[in-house]
Amino acid sequence: MSTRGGTHLWVAQRVTAMFLAVAVLVHLATILVAVRGGLSAAEILGRTRGSAAWLAFYAVFALAAGLHGAIGLRGIAAEWLGWRGRGFDAAWLTIGLLTAIFGIYAALGLYAA
């Protein structure tokens, strides 16, 4: 990979990390408020059903987590296993996008539940 490509991955890793730090705090705070407020799972789903804002939040959360994880695993595999090349990069991008799609699918389940 070129130095420029490595720089782009480094930036993407840091940007997704910054978003994930905030998103995890929002997610955990929401859970704590809901549970301490005595809401049941059915009541929580009732409040999230049809909410475009929560769908957008969790879809971006899933995309960021998928890409962040794939970039990290790519770096580990490159360092430990010595894997390189375009096919290697395409495989890790595919893994990240598939992971994100699974998360977005779960978010759609909350939206339409």
PDB file of N, CA and C in Angstrom:
ATOM      1  N   MET A   1       0.847  -1.169   0.000  1.00  0.00           N
ATOM      2  CA  MET A   1       0.000   0.000   0.000  1.00  0.00           C
ATOM      3  C   MET A   1       0.893   1.233   0.000  1.00  0.00           C
ATOM      4  N   SER A   2       0.441   2.242  -0.703  1.00  0.00           N
ATOM      5  CA  SER A   2       1.216   3.477  -0.777  1.00  0.00           C
ATOM      6  C   SER A   2       1.147   4.220   0.552  1.00  0.00           C
ATOM      7  N   THR A   3       2.057   5.157   0.694  1.00  0.00           N
ATOM      8  CA  THR A   3       2.053   5.983   1.902  1.00  0.00           C
ATOM      9  C   THR A   3       0.761   6.775   2.000  1.00  0.00           C
ATOM     10  N   ARG A   4       0.275   7.242   0.858  1.00  0.00           N
ATOM     11  CA  ARG A   4      -0.975   8.007   0.836  1.00  0.00           C
ATOM     12  C   ARG A   4      -2.148   7.137   1.290  1.00  0.00           C
ATOM     13  N   GLY A   5      -2.201   5.889   0.788  1.00  0.00           N
ATOM     14  CA  GLY A   5      -3.263   4.973   1.196  1.00  0.00           C
ATOM     15  C   GLY A   5      -3.200   4.665   2.677  1.00  0.00           C
ATOM     16  N   GLY A   6      -1.982   4.481   3.187  1.00  0.00           N
ATOM     17  CA  GLY A   6      -1.807   4.241   4.615  1.00  0.00           C
ATOM     18  C   GLY A   6      -2.256   5.428   5.447  1.00  0.00           C
ATOM     19  N   THR A   7      -1.995   6.623   4.936  1.00  0.00           N
ATOM     20  CA  THR A   7      -2.429   7.837   5.638  1.00  0.00           C
ATOM     21  C   THR A   7      -3.953   7.919   5.671  1.00  0.00           C
ATOM     22  N   HIS A   8      -4.593   7.582   4.556  1.00  0.00           N
ATOM     23  CA  HIS A   8      -6.059   7.610   4.521  1.00  0.00           C
ATOM     24  C   HIS A   8      -6.657   6.616   5.510  1.00  0.00           C
ATOM     25  N   LEU A   9      -6.075   5.430   5.590  1.00  0.00           N
ATOM     26  CA  LEU A   9      -6.561   4.445   6.560  1.00  0.00           C
ATOM     27  C   LEU A   9      -6.343   4.926   7.990  1.00  0.00           C
ATOM     28  N   TRP A  10      -5.195   5.541   8.234  1.00  0.00           N
ATOM     29  CA  TRP A  10      -4.911   6.062   9.573  1.00  0.00           C
ATOM     30  C   TRP A  10      -5.944   7.120   9.960  1.00  0.00           C
ATOM     31  N   VAL A  11      -6.243   8.031   9.032  1.00  0.00           N
ATOM     32  CA  VAL A  11      -7.240   9.076   9.305  1.00  0.00           C
ATOM     33  C   VAL A  11      -8.619   8.452   9.520  1.00  0.00           C
ATOM     34  N   ALA A  12      -8.992   7.507   8.661  1.00  0.00           N
ATOM     35  CA  ALA A  12     -10.297   6.854   8.807  1.00  0.00           C
ATOM     36  C   ALA A  12     -10.400   6.145  10.157  1.00  0.00           C
ATOM     37  N   GLN A  13      -9.324   5.507  10.580  1.00  0.00           N
ATOM     38  CA  GLN A  13      -9.302   4.823  11.878  1.00  0.00           C
ATOM     39  C   GLN A  13      -9.532   5.825  13.008  1.00  0.00           C
ATOM     40  N   ARG A  14      -8.885   6.966  12.940  1.00  0.00           N
ATOM     41  CA  ARG A  14      -9.013   7.971  14.001  1.00  0.00           C
ATOM     42  C   ARG A  14     -10.384   8.631  13.988  1.00  0.00           C
ATOM     43  N   VAL A  15     -10.933   8.915  12.812  1.00  0.00           N
ATOM     44  CA  VAL A  15     -12.252   9.543  12.722  1.00  0.00           C
ATOM     45  C   VAL A  15     -13.325   8.597  13.245  1.00  0.00           C
ATOM     46  N   THR A  16     -13.255   7.324  12.845  1.00  0.00           N
ATOM     47  CA  THR A  16     -14.242   6.375  13.354  1.00  0.00           C
ATOM     48  C   THR A  16     -14.091   6.185  14.861  1.00  0.00           C
ATOM     49  N   ALA A  17     -12.858   6.227  15.369  1.00  0.00           N
ATOM     50  CA  ALA A  17     -12.642   6.104  16.820  1.00  0.00           C
ATOM     51  C   ALA A  17     -13.285   7.270  17.563  1.00  0.00           C
ATOM     52  N   MET A  18     -13.145   8.470  17.022  1.00  0.00           N
ATOM     53  CA  MET A  18     -13.752   9.637  17.680  1.00  0.00           C
ATOM     54  C   MET A  18     -15.268   9.526  17.693  1.00  0.00           C
ATOM     55  N   PHE A  19     -15.847   9.129  16.568  1.00  0.00           N
ATOM     56  CA  PHE A  19     -17.300   8.970  16.528  1.00  0.00           C
ATOM     57  C   PHE A  19     -17.744   7.865  17.474  1.00  0.00           C
ATOM     58  N   LEU A  20     -17.038   6.735  17.461  1.00  0.00           N
ATOM     59  CA  LEU A  20     -17.417   5.613  18.319  1.00  0.00           C
ATOM     60  C   LEU A  20     -17.329   5.959  19.797  1.00  0.00           C
ATOM     61  N   ALA A  21     -16.359   6.771  20.176  1.00  0.00           N
ATOM     62  CA  ALA A  21     -16.251   7.180  21.590  1.00  0.00           C
ATOM     63  C   ALA A  21     -17.519   7.898  22.029  1.00  0.00           C
ATOM     64  N   VAL A  22     -18.004   8.798  21.209  1.00  0.00           N
ATOM     65  CA  VAL A  22     -19.226   9.540  21.535  1.00  0.00           C
ATOM     66  C   VAL A  22     -20.443   8.617  21.437  1.00  0.00           C
ATOM     67  N   ALA A  23     -20.499   7.808  20.380  1.00  0.00           N
ATOM     68  CA  ALA A  23     -21.659   6.941  20.164  1.00  0.00           C
ATOM     69  C   ALA A  23     -21.818   5.916  21.280  1.00  0.00           C
ATOM     70  N   VAL A  24     -20.724   5.353  21.755  1.00  0.00           N
ATOM     71  CA  VAL A  24     -20.805   4.382  22.852  1.00  0.00           C
ATOM     72  C   VAL A  24     -21.316   5.066  24.120  1.00  0.00           C
ATOM     73  N   LEU A  25     -20.853   6.277  24.382  1.00  0.00           N
ATOM     74  CA  LEU A  25     -21.352   7.007  25.556  1.00  0.00           C
ATOM     75  C   LEU A  25     -22.848   7.289  25.445  1.00  0.00           C
ATOM     76  N   VAL A  26     -23.315   7.715  24.276  1.00  0.00           N
ATOM     77  CA  VAL A  26     -24.746   7.956  24.062  1.00  0.00           C
ATOM     78  C   VAL A  26     -25.523   6.660  24.242  1.00  0.00           C
ATOM     79  N   HIS A  27     -25.025   5.580  23.655  1.00  0.00           N
ATOM     80  CA  HIS A  27     -25.685   4.280  23.748  1.00  0.00           C
ATOM     81  C   HIS A  27     -25.796   3.821  25.203  1.00  0.00           C
ATOM     82  N   LEU A  28     -24.689   3.884  25.941  1.00  0.00           N
ATOM     83  CA  LEU A  28     -24.705   3.447  27.336  1.00  0.00           C
ATOM     84  C   LEU A  28     -25.563   4.351  28.213  1.00  0.00           C
ATOM     85  N   ALA A  29     -25.496   5.661  27.996  1.00  0.00           N
ATOM     86  CA  ALA A  29     -26.323   6.588  28.768  1.00  0.00           C
ATOM     87  C   ALA A  29     -27.804   6.330  28.507  1.00  0.00           C
ATOM     88  N   THR A  30     -28.151   6.071  27.266  1.00  0.00           N
ATOM     89  CA  THR A  30     -29.546   5.777  26.926  1.00  0.00           C
ATOM     90  C   THR A  30     -30.014   4.508  27.621  1.00  0.00           C
ATOM     91  N   ILE A  31     -29.170   3.496  27.635  1.00  0.00           N
ATOM     92  CA  ILE A  31     -29.526   2.244  28.315  1.00  0.00           C
ATOM     93  C   ILE A  31     -29.715   2.479  29.808  1.00  0.00           C
ATOM     94  N   LEU A  32     -28.781   3.205  30.425  1.00  0.00           N
ATOM     95  CA  LEU A  32     -28.885   3.459  31.865  1.00  0.00           C
ATOM     96  C   LEU A  32     -30.140   4.244  32.204  1.00  0.00           C
ATOM     97  N   VAL A  33     -30.444   5.270  31.430  1.00  0.00           N
ATOM     98  CA  VAL A  33     -31.645   6.076  31.686  1.00  0.00           C
ATOM     99  C   VAL A  33     -32.895   5.215  31.521  1.00  0.00           C
ATOM    100  N   ALA A  34     -32.943   4.405  30.485  1.00  0.00           N
ATOM    101  CA  ALA A  34     -34.113   3.565  30.234  1.00  0.00           C
ATOM    102  C   ALA A  34     -34.304   2.532  31.331  1.00  0.00           C
ATOM    103  N   VAL A  35     -33.221   1.873  31.733  1.00  0.00           N
ATOM    104  CA  VAL A  35     -33.327   0.818  32.745  1.00  0.00           C
ATOM    105  C   VAL A  35     -33.650   1.418  34.110  1.00  0.00           C
ATOM    106  N   ARG A  36     -32.986   2.502  34.458  1.00  0.00           N
ATOM    107  CA  ARG A  36     -33.269   3.125  35.765  1.00  0.00           C
ATOM    108  C   ARG A  36     -34.653   3.753  35.803  1.00  0.00           C
ATOM    109  N   GLY A  37     -35.168   4.091  34.614  1.00  0.00           N
ATOM    110  CA  GLY A  37     -36.524   4.632  34.539  1.00  0.00           C
ATOM    111  C   GLY A  37     -37.584   3.548  34.599  1.00  0.00           C
ATOM    112  N   GLY A  38     -37.152   2.301  34.657  1.00  0.00           N
ATOM    113  CA  GLY A  38     -38.093   1.199  34.785  1.00  0.00           C
ATOM    114  C   GLY A  38     -38.731   0.760  33.480  1.00  0.00           C
ATOM    115  N   LEU A  39     -38.159   1.145  32.358  1.00  0.00           N
ATOM    116  CA  LEU A  39     -38.742   0.756  31.082  1.00  0.00           C
ATOM    117  C   LEU A  39     -38.433  -0.710  30.768  1.00  0.00           C
ATOM    118  N   SER A  40     -39.418  -1.390  30.242  1.00  0.00           N
ATOM    119  CA  SER A  40     -39.201  -2.774  29.799  1.00  0.00           C
ATOM    120  C   SER A  40     -38.674  -2.748  28.366  1.00  0.00           C
ATOM    121  N   ALA A  41     -38.232  -3.909  27.899  1.00  0.00           N
ATOM    122  CA  ALA A  41     -37.741  -4.013  26.518  1.00  0.00           C
ATOM    123  C   ALA A  41     -38.844  -3.633  25.532  1.00  0.00           C
ATOM    124  N   ALA A  42     -40.063  -4.053  25.807  1.00  0.00           N
ATOM    125  CA  ALA A  42     -41.185  -3.726  24.917  1.00  0.00           C
ATOM    126  C   ALA A  42     -41.433  -2.217  24.875  1.00  0.00           C
ATOM    127  N   GLU A  43     -41.318  -1.554  26.032  1.00  0.00           N
ATOM    128  CA  GLU A  43     -41.506  -0.100  26.069  1.00  0.00           C
ATOM    129  C   GLU A  43     -40.389   0.629  25.323  1.00  0.00           C
ATOM    130  N   ILE A  44     -39.168   0.129  25.460  1.00  0.00           N
ATOM    131  CA  ILE A  44     -38.036   0.739  24.746  1.00  0.00           C
ATOM    132  C   ILE A  44     -38.240   0.594  23.245  1.00  0.00           C
ATOM    133  N   LEU A  45     -38.600  -0.616  22.798  1.00  0.00           N
ATOM    134  CA  LEU A  45     -38.858  -0.831  21.372  1.00  0.00           C
ATOM    135  C   LEU A  45     -40.024   0.020  20.888  1.00  0.00           C
ATOM    136  N   GLY A  46     -41.018   0.211  21.729  1.00  0.00           N
ATOM    137  CA  GLY A  46     -42.147   1.063  21.367  1.00  0.00           C
ATOM    138  C   GLY A  46     -41.722   2.504  21.140  1.00  0.00           C
ATOM    139  N   ARG A  47     -40.744   2.945  21.886  1.00  0.00           N
ATOM    140  CA  ARG A  47     -40.256   4.323  21.732  1.00  0.00           C
ATOM    141  C   ARG A  47     -39.309   4.492  20.553  1.00  0.00           C
ATOM    142  N   THR A  48     -38.594   3.429  20.198  1.00  0.00           N
ATOM    143  CA  THR A  48     -37.648   3.540  19.087  1.00  0.00           C
ATOM    144  C   THR A  48     -38.293   3.216  17.738  1.00  0.00           C
ATOM    145  N   ARG A  49     -39.387   2.504  17.742  1.00  0.00           N
ATOM    146  CA  ARG A  49     -40.042   2.096  16.496  1.00  0.00           C
ATOM    147  C   ARG A  49     -40.413   3.338  15.679  1.00  0.00           C
ATOM    148  N   GLY A  50     -39.978   3.364  14.446  1.00  0.00           N
ATOM    149  CA  GLY A  50     -40.327   4.450  13.543  1.00  0.00           C
ATOM    150  C   GLY A  50     -39.514   5.716  13.718  1.00  0.00           C
ATOM    151  N   SER A  51     -38.513   5.706  14.603  1.00  0.00           N
ATOM    152  CA  SER A  51     -37.703   6.905  14.838  1.00  0.00           C
ATOM    153  C   SER A  51     -36.547   6.956  13.832  1.00  0.00           C
ATOM    154  N   ALA A  52     -36.659   7.890  12.902  1.00  0.00           N
ATOM    155  CA  ALA A  52     -35.601   8.050  11.894  1.00  0.00           C
ATOM    156  C   ALA A  52     -34.287   8.490  12.541  1.00  0.00           C
ATOM    157  N   ALA A  53     -34.371   9.250  13.625  1.00  0.00           N
ATOM    158  CA  ALA A  53     -33.161   9.720  14.303  1.00  0.00           C
ATOM    159  C   ALA A  53     -32.381   8.545  14.901  1.00  0.00           C
ATOM    160  N   TRP A  54     -33.077   7.625  15.586  1.00  0.00           N
ATOM    161  CA  TRP A  54     -32.391   6.467  16.161  1.00  0.00           C
ATOM    162  C   TRP A  54     -31.880   5.536  15.065  1.00  0.00           C
ATOM    163  N   LEU A  55     -32.653   5.397  13.987  1.00  0.00           N
ATOM    164  CA  LEU A  55     -32.195   4.580  12.861  1.00  0.00           C
ATOM    165  C   LEU A  55     -30.901   5.155  12.290  1.00  0.00           C
ATOM    166  N   ALA A  56     -30.862   6.453  12.068  1.00  0.00           N
ATOM    167  CA  ALA A  56     -29.662   7.094  11.521  1.00  0.00           C
ATOM    168  C   ALA A  56     -28.480   6.943  12.475  1.00  0.00           C
ATOM    169  N   PHE A  57     -28.727   7.166  13.769  1.00  0.00           N
ATOM    170  CA  PHE A  57     -27.664   7.045  14.766  1.00  0.00           C
ATOM    171  C   PHE A  57     -27.059   5.649  14.745  1.00  0.00           C
ATOM    172  N   TYR A  58     -27.906   4.617  14.830  1.00  0.00           N
ATOM    173  CA  TYR A  58     -27.390   3.257  14.897  1.00  0.00           C
ATOM    174  C   TYR A  58     -26.830   2.772  13.556  1.00  0.00           C
ATOM    175  N   ALA A  59     -27.336   3.283  12.448  1.00  0.00           N
ATOM    176  CA  ALA A  59     -26.769   2.918  11.148  1.00  0.00           C
ATOM    177  C   ALA A  59     -25.353   3.484  11.006  1.00  0.00           C
ATOM    178  N   VAL A  60     -25.152   4.733  11.407  1.00  0.00           N
ATOM    179  CA  VAL A  60     -23.815   5.327  11.350  1.00  0.00           C
ATOM    180  C   VAL A  60     -22.903   4.654  12.376  1.00  0.00           C
ATOM    181  N   PHE A  61     -23.441   4.329  13.534  1.00  0.00           N
ATOM    182  CA  PHE A  61     -22.696   3.602  14.562  1.00  0.00           C
ATOM    183  C   PHE A  61     -22.183   2.274  13.985  1.00  0.00           C
ATOM    184  N   ALA A  62     -23.067   1.514  13.326  1.00  0.00           N
ATOM    185  CA  ALA A  62     -22.687   0.218  12.758  1.00  0.00           C
ATOM    186  C   ALA A  62     -21.651   0.379  11.650  1.00  0.00           C
ATOM    187  N   LEU A  63     -21.820   1.377  10.798  1.00  0.00           N
ATOM    188  CA  LEU A  63     -20.858   1.604   9.723  1.00  0.00           C
ATOM    189  C   LEU A  63     -19.488   1.963  10.293  1.00  0.00           C
ATOM    190  N   ALA A  64     -19.472   2.850  11.272  1.00  0.00           N
ATOM    191  CA  ALA A  64     -18.199   3.243  11.887  1.00  0.00           C
ATOM    192  C   ALA A  64     -17.529   2.059  12.584  1.00  0.00           C
ATOM    193  N   ALA A  65     -18.316   1.262  13.306  1.00  0.00           N
ATOM    194  CA  ALA A  65     -17.743   0.108  14.009  1.00  0.00           C
ATOM    195  C   ALA A  65     -17.196  -0.927  13.028  1.00  0.00           C
ATOM    196  N   GLY A  66     -17.930  -1.190  11.951  1.00  0.00           N
ATOM    197  CA  GLY A  66     -17.474  -2.152  10.967  1.00  0.00           C
ATOM    198  C   GLY A  66     -16.173  -1.723  10.304  1.00  0.00           C
ATOM    199  N   LEU A  67     -16.109  -0.471   9.897  1.00  0.00           N
ATOM    200  CA  LEU A  67     -14.898   0.011   9.233  1.00  0.00           C
ATOM    201  C   LEU A  67     -13.731   0.120  10.209  1.00  0.00           C
ATOM    202  N   HIS A  68     -13.994   0.606  11.404  1.00  0.00           N
ATOM    203  CA  HIS A  68     -12.943   0.744  12.410  1.00  0.00           C
ATOM    204  C   HIS A  68     -12.320  -0.620  12.728  1.00  0.00           C
ATOM    205  N   GLY A  69     -13.174  -1.604  12.950  1.00  0.00           N
ATOM    206  CA  GLY A  69     -12.681  -2.938  13.266  1.00  0.00           C
ATOM    207  C   GLY A  69     -11.907  -3.561  12.117  1.00  0.00           C
ATOM    208  N   ALA A  70     -12.417  -3.388  10.900  1.00  0.00           N
ATOM    209  CA  ALA A  70     -11.742  -3.975   9.741  1.00  0.00           C
ATOM    210  C   ALA A  70     -10.376  -3.336   9.505  1.00  0.00           C
ATOM    211  N   ILE A  71     -10.282  -2.032   9.684  1.00  0.00           N
ATOM    212  CA  ILE A  71      -8.986  -1.363   9.505  1.00  0.00           C
ATOM    213  C   ILE A  71      -7.995  -1.863  10.562  1.00  0.00           C
ATOM    214  N   GLY A  72      -8.453  -2.009  11.787  1.00  0.00           N
ATOM    215  CA  GLY A  72      -7.580  -2.506  12.847  1.00  0.00           C
ATOM    216  C   GLY A  72      -7.120  -3.931  12.587  1.00  0.00           C
ATOM    217  N   LEU A  73      -8.056  -4.800  12.196  1.00  0.00           N
ATOM    218  CA  LEU A  73      -7.693  -6.186  11.903  1.00  0.00           C
ATOM    219  C   LEU A  73      -6.777  -6.277  10.688  1.00  0.00           C
ATOM    220  N   ARG A  74      -6.968  -5.399   9.724  1.00  0.00           N
ATOM    221  CA  ARG A  74      -6.096  -5.354   8.548  1.00  0.00           C
ATOM    222  C   ARG A  74      -4.665  -5.048   8.962  1.00  0.00           C
ATOM    223  N   GLY A  75      -4.518  -4.084   9.846  1.00  0.00           N
ATOM    224  CA  GLY A  75      -3.179  -3.733  10.324  1.00  0.00           C
ATOM    225  C   GLY A  75      -2.513  -4.869  11.074  1.00  0.00           C
ATOM    226  N   ILE A  76      -3.288  -5.559  11.896  1.00  0.00           N
ATOM    227  CA  ILE A  76      -2.748  -6.695  12.647  1.00  0.00           C
ATOM    228  C   ILE A  76      -2.325  -7.808  11.691  1.00  0.00           C
ATOM    229  N   ALA A  77      -3.194  -8.126  10.723  1.00  0.00           N
ATOM    230  CA  ALA A  77      -2.865  -9.194   9.767  1.00  0.00           C
ATOM    231  C   ALA A  77      -1.652  -8.822   8.919  1.00  0.00           C
ATOM    232  N   ALA A  78      -1.547  -7.561   8.534  1.00  0.00           N
ATOM    233  CA  ALA A  78      -0.393  -7.133   7.724  1.00  0.00           C
ATOM    234  C   ALA A  78       0.901  -7.258   8.525  1.00  0.00           C
ATOM    235  N   GLU A  79       0.835  -6.878   9.796  1.00  0.00           N
ATOM    236  CA  GLU A  79       2.040  -6.915  10.632  1.00  0.00           C
ATOM    237  C   GLU A  79       2.419  -8.342  11.017  1.00  0.00           C
ATOM    238  N   TRP A  80       1.477  -9.125  11.477  1.00  0.00           N
ATOM    239  CA  TRP A  80       1.784 -10.454  12.000  1.00  0.00           C
ATOM    240  C   TRP A  80       1.949 -11.498  10.903  1.00  0.00           C
ATOM    241  N   LEU A  81       1.125 -11.390   9.855  1.00  0.00           N
ATOM    242  CA  LEU A  81       1.132 -12.423   8.826  1.00  0.00           C
ATOM    243  C   LEU A  81       1.861 -11.996   7.552  1.00  0.00           C
ATOM    244  N   GLY A  82       2.163 -10.707   7.458  1.00  0.00           N
ATOM    245  CA  GLY A  82       2.873 -10.207   6.288  1.00  0.00           C
ATOM    246  C   GLY A  82       2.030 -10.152   5.030  1.00  0.00           C
ATOM    247  N   TRP A  83       0.714 -10.173   5.174  1.00  0.00           N
ATOM    248  CA  TRP A  83      -0.158 -10.134   3.996  1.00  0.00           C
ATOM    249  C   TRP A  83      -0.153  -8.742   3.396  1.00  0.00           C
ATOM    250  N   ARG A  84      -0.141  -8.661   2.075  1.00  0.00           N
ATOM    251  CA  ARG A  84      -0.112  -7.384   1.356  1.00  0.00           C
ATOM    252  C   ARG A  84      -0.871  -7.536   0.037  1.00  0.00           C
ATOM    253  N   GLY A  85      -1.117  -6.418  -0.616  1.00  0.00           N
ATOM    254  CA  GLY A  85      -1.674  -6.421  -1.967  1.00  0.00           C
ATOM    255  C   GLY A  85      -3.117  -5.963  -2.037  1.00  0.00           C
ATOM    256  N   ARG A  86      -3.554  -5.755  -3.273  1.00  0.00           N
ATOM    257  CA  ARG A  86      -4.916  -5.259  -3.514  1.00  0.00           C
ATOM    258  C   ARG A  86      -5.985  -6.260  -3.071  1.00  0.00           C
ATOM    259  N   GLY A  87      -5.741  -7.539  -3.307  1.00  0.00           N
ATOM    260  CA  GLY A  87      -6.703  -8.549  -2.882  1.00  0.00           C
ATOM    261  C   GLY A  87      -6.873  -8.568  -1.375  1.00  0.00           C
ATOM    262  N   PHE A  88      -5.772  -8.397  -0.675  1.00  0.00           N
ATOM    263  CA  PHE A  88      -5.790  -8.320   0.783  1.00  0.00           C
ATOM    264  C   PHE A  88      -6.615  -7.121   1.241  1.00  0.00           C
ATOM    265  N   ASP A  89      -6.375  -5.966   0.614  1.00  0.00           N
ATOM    266  CA  ASP A  89      -7.124  -4.754   0.971  1.00  0.00           C
ATOM    267  C   ASP A  89      -8.610  -4.912   0.663  1.00  0.00           C
ATOM    268  N   ALA A  90      -8.929  -5.511  -0.484  1.00  0.00           N
ATOM    269  CA  ALA A  90     -10.326  -5.727  -0.850  1.00  0.00           C
ATOM    270  C   ALA A  90     -11.010  -6.678   0.133  1.00  0.00           C
ATOM    271  N   ALA A  91     -10.294  -7.690   0.601  1.00  0.00           N
ATOM    272  CA  ALA A  91     -10.869  -8.630   1.562  1.00  0.00           C
ATOM    273  C   ALA A  91     -11.226  -7.921   2.867  1.00  0.00           C
ATOM    274  N   TRP A  92     -10.346  -7.076   3.362  1.00  0.00           N
ATOM    275  CA  TRP A  92     -10.628  -6.388   4.618  1.00  0.00           C
ATOM    276  C   TRP A  92     -11.727  -5.359   4.469  1.00  0.00           C
ATOM    277  N   LEU A  93     -11.792  -4.686   3.319  1.00  0.00           N
ATOM    278  CA  LEU A  93     -12.885  -3.746   3.069  1.00  0.00           C
ATOM    279  C   LEU A  93     -14.212  -4.503   3.031  1.00  0.00           C
ATOM    280  N   THR A  94     -14.219  -5.654   2.399  1.00  0.00           N
ATOM    281  CA  THR A  94     -15.434  -6.471   2.331  1.00  0.00           C
ATOM    282  C   THR A  94     -15.864  -6.919   3.726  1.00  0.00           C
ATOM    283  N   ILE A  95     -14.923  -7.350   4.536  1.00  0.00           N
ATOM    284  CA  ILE A  95     -15.243  -7.767   5.904  1.00  0.00           C
ATOM    285  C   ILE A  95     -15.850  -6.597   6.689  1.00  0.00           C
ATOM    286  N   GLY A  96     -15.254  -5.425   6.565  1.00  0.00           N
ATOM    287  CA  GLY A  96     -15.770  -4.249   7.270  1.00  0.00           C
ATOM    288  C   GLY A  96     -17.166  -3.870   6.818  1.00  0.00           C
ATOM    289  N   LEU A  97     -17.393  -3.893   5.514  1.00  0.00           N
ATOM    290  CA  LEU A  97     -18.717  -3.536   4.999  1.00  0.00           C
ATOM    291  C   LEU A  97     -19.765  -4.577   5.366  1.00  0.00           C
ATOM    292  N   LEU A  98     -19.398  -5.850   5.333  1.00  0.00           N
ATOM    293  CA  LEU A  98     -20.352  -6.893   5.748  1.00  0.00           C
ATOM    294  C   LEU A  98     -20.721  -6.742   7.218  1.00  0.00           C
ATOM    295  N   THR A  99     -19.738  -6.476   8.050  1.00  0.00           N
ATOM    296  CA  THR A  99     -20.009  -6.256   9.468  1.00  0.00           C
ATOM    297  C   THR A  99     -20.944  -5.064   9.651  1.00  0.00           C
ATOM    298  N   ALA A 100     -20.679  -3.992   8.921  1.00  0.00           N
ATOM    299  CA  ALA A 100     -21.530  -2.804   8.997  1.00  0.00           C
ATOM    300  C   ALA A 100     -22.945  -3.108   8.510  1.00  0.00           C
ATOM    301  N   ILE A 101     -23.065  -3.861   7.446  1.00  0.00           N
ATOM    302  CA  ILE A 101     -24.393  -4.200   6.913  1.00  0.00           C
ATOM    303  C   ILE A 101     -25.189  -5.006   7.930  1.00  0.00           C
ATOM    304  N   PHE A 102     -24.537  -5.943   8.619  1.00  0.00           N
ATOM    305  CA  PHE A 102     -25.239  -6.697   9.657  1.00  0.00           C
ATOM    306  C   PHE A 102     -25.743  -5.768  10.760  1.00  0.00           C
ATOM    307  N   GLY A 103     -24.925  -4.804  11.165  1.00  0.00           N
ATOM    308  CA  GLY A 103     -25.343  -3.840  12.181  1.00  0.00           C
ATOM    309  C   GLY A 103     -26.469  -2.947  11.707  1.00  0.00           C
ATOM    310  N   ILE A 104     -26.398  -2.509  10.459  1.00  0.00           N
ATOM    311  CA  ILE A 104     -27.456  -1.666   9.906  1.00  0.00           C
ATOM    312  C   ILE A 104     -28.756  -2.463   9.801  1.00  0.00           C
ATOM    313  N   TYR A 105     -28.637  -3.726   9.445  1.00  0.00           N
ATOM    314  CA  TYR A 105     -29.818  -4.595   9.397  1.00  0.00           C
ATOM    315  C   TYR A 105     -30.467  -4.694  10.778  1.00  0.00           C
ATOM    316  N   ALA A 106     -29.658  -4.796  11.824  1.00  0.00           N
ATOM    317  CA  ALA A 106     -30.202  -4.827  13.193  1.00  0.00           C
ATOM    318  C   ALA A 106     -30.867  -3.501  13.535  1.00  0.00           C
ATOM    319  N   ALA A 107     -30.283  -2.386  13.112  1.00  0.00           N
ATOM    320  CA  ALA A 107     -30.886  -1.071  13.356  1.00  0.00           C
ATOM    321  C   ALA A 107     -32.233  -0.951  12.634  1.00  0.00           C
ATOM    322  N   LEU A 108     -32.303  -1.492  11.418  1.00  0.00           N
ATOM    323  CA  LEU A 108     -33.574  -1.493  10.692  1.00  0.00           C
ATOM    324  C   LEU A 108     -34.616  -2.309  11.445  1.00  0.00           C
ATOM    325  N   GLY A 109     -34.181  -3.372  12.120  1.00  0.00           N
ATOM    326  CA  GLY A 109     -35.088  -4.172  12.930  1.00  0.00           C
ATOM    327  C   GLY A 109     -35.681  -3.364  14.073  1.00  0.00           C
ATOM    328  N   LEU A 110     -34.883  -2.501  14.681  1.00  0.00           N
ATOM    329  CA  LEU A 110     -35.396  -1.619  15.736  1.00  0.00           C
ATOM    330  C   LEU A 110     -36.368  -0.602  15.175  1.00  0.00           C
ATOM    331  N   TYR A 111     -36.085  -0.111  13.980  1.00  0.00           N
ATOM    332  CA  TYR A 111     -36.913   0.919  13.357  1.00  0.00           C
ATOM    333  C   TYR A 111     -38.292   0.364  12.998  1.00  0.00           C
ATOM    334  N   ALA A 112     -38.304  -0.845  12.485  1.00  0.00           N
ATOM    335  CA  ALA A 112     -39.552  -1.423  11.984  1.00  0.00           C
ATOM    336  C   ALA A 112     -40.185  -2.416  12.963  1.00  0.00           C
ATOM    337  N   ALA A 113     -39.574  -2.591  14.139  1.00  0.00           N
ATOM    338  CA  ALA A 113     -40.048  -3.615  15.086  1.00  0.00           C
ATOM    339  C   ALA A 113     -41.505  -3.490  15.420  1.00  0.00           C
TER     340      ALA A 113
END
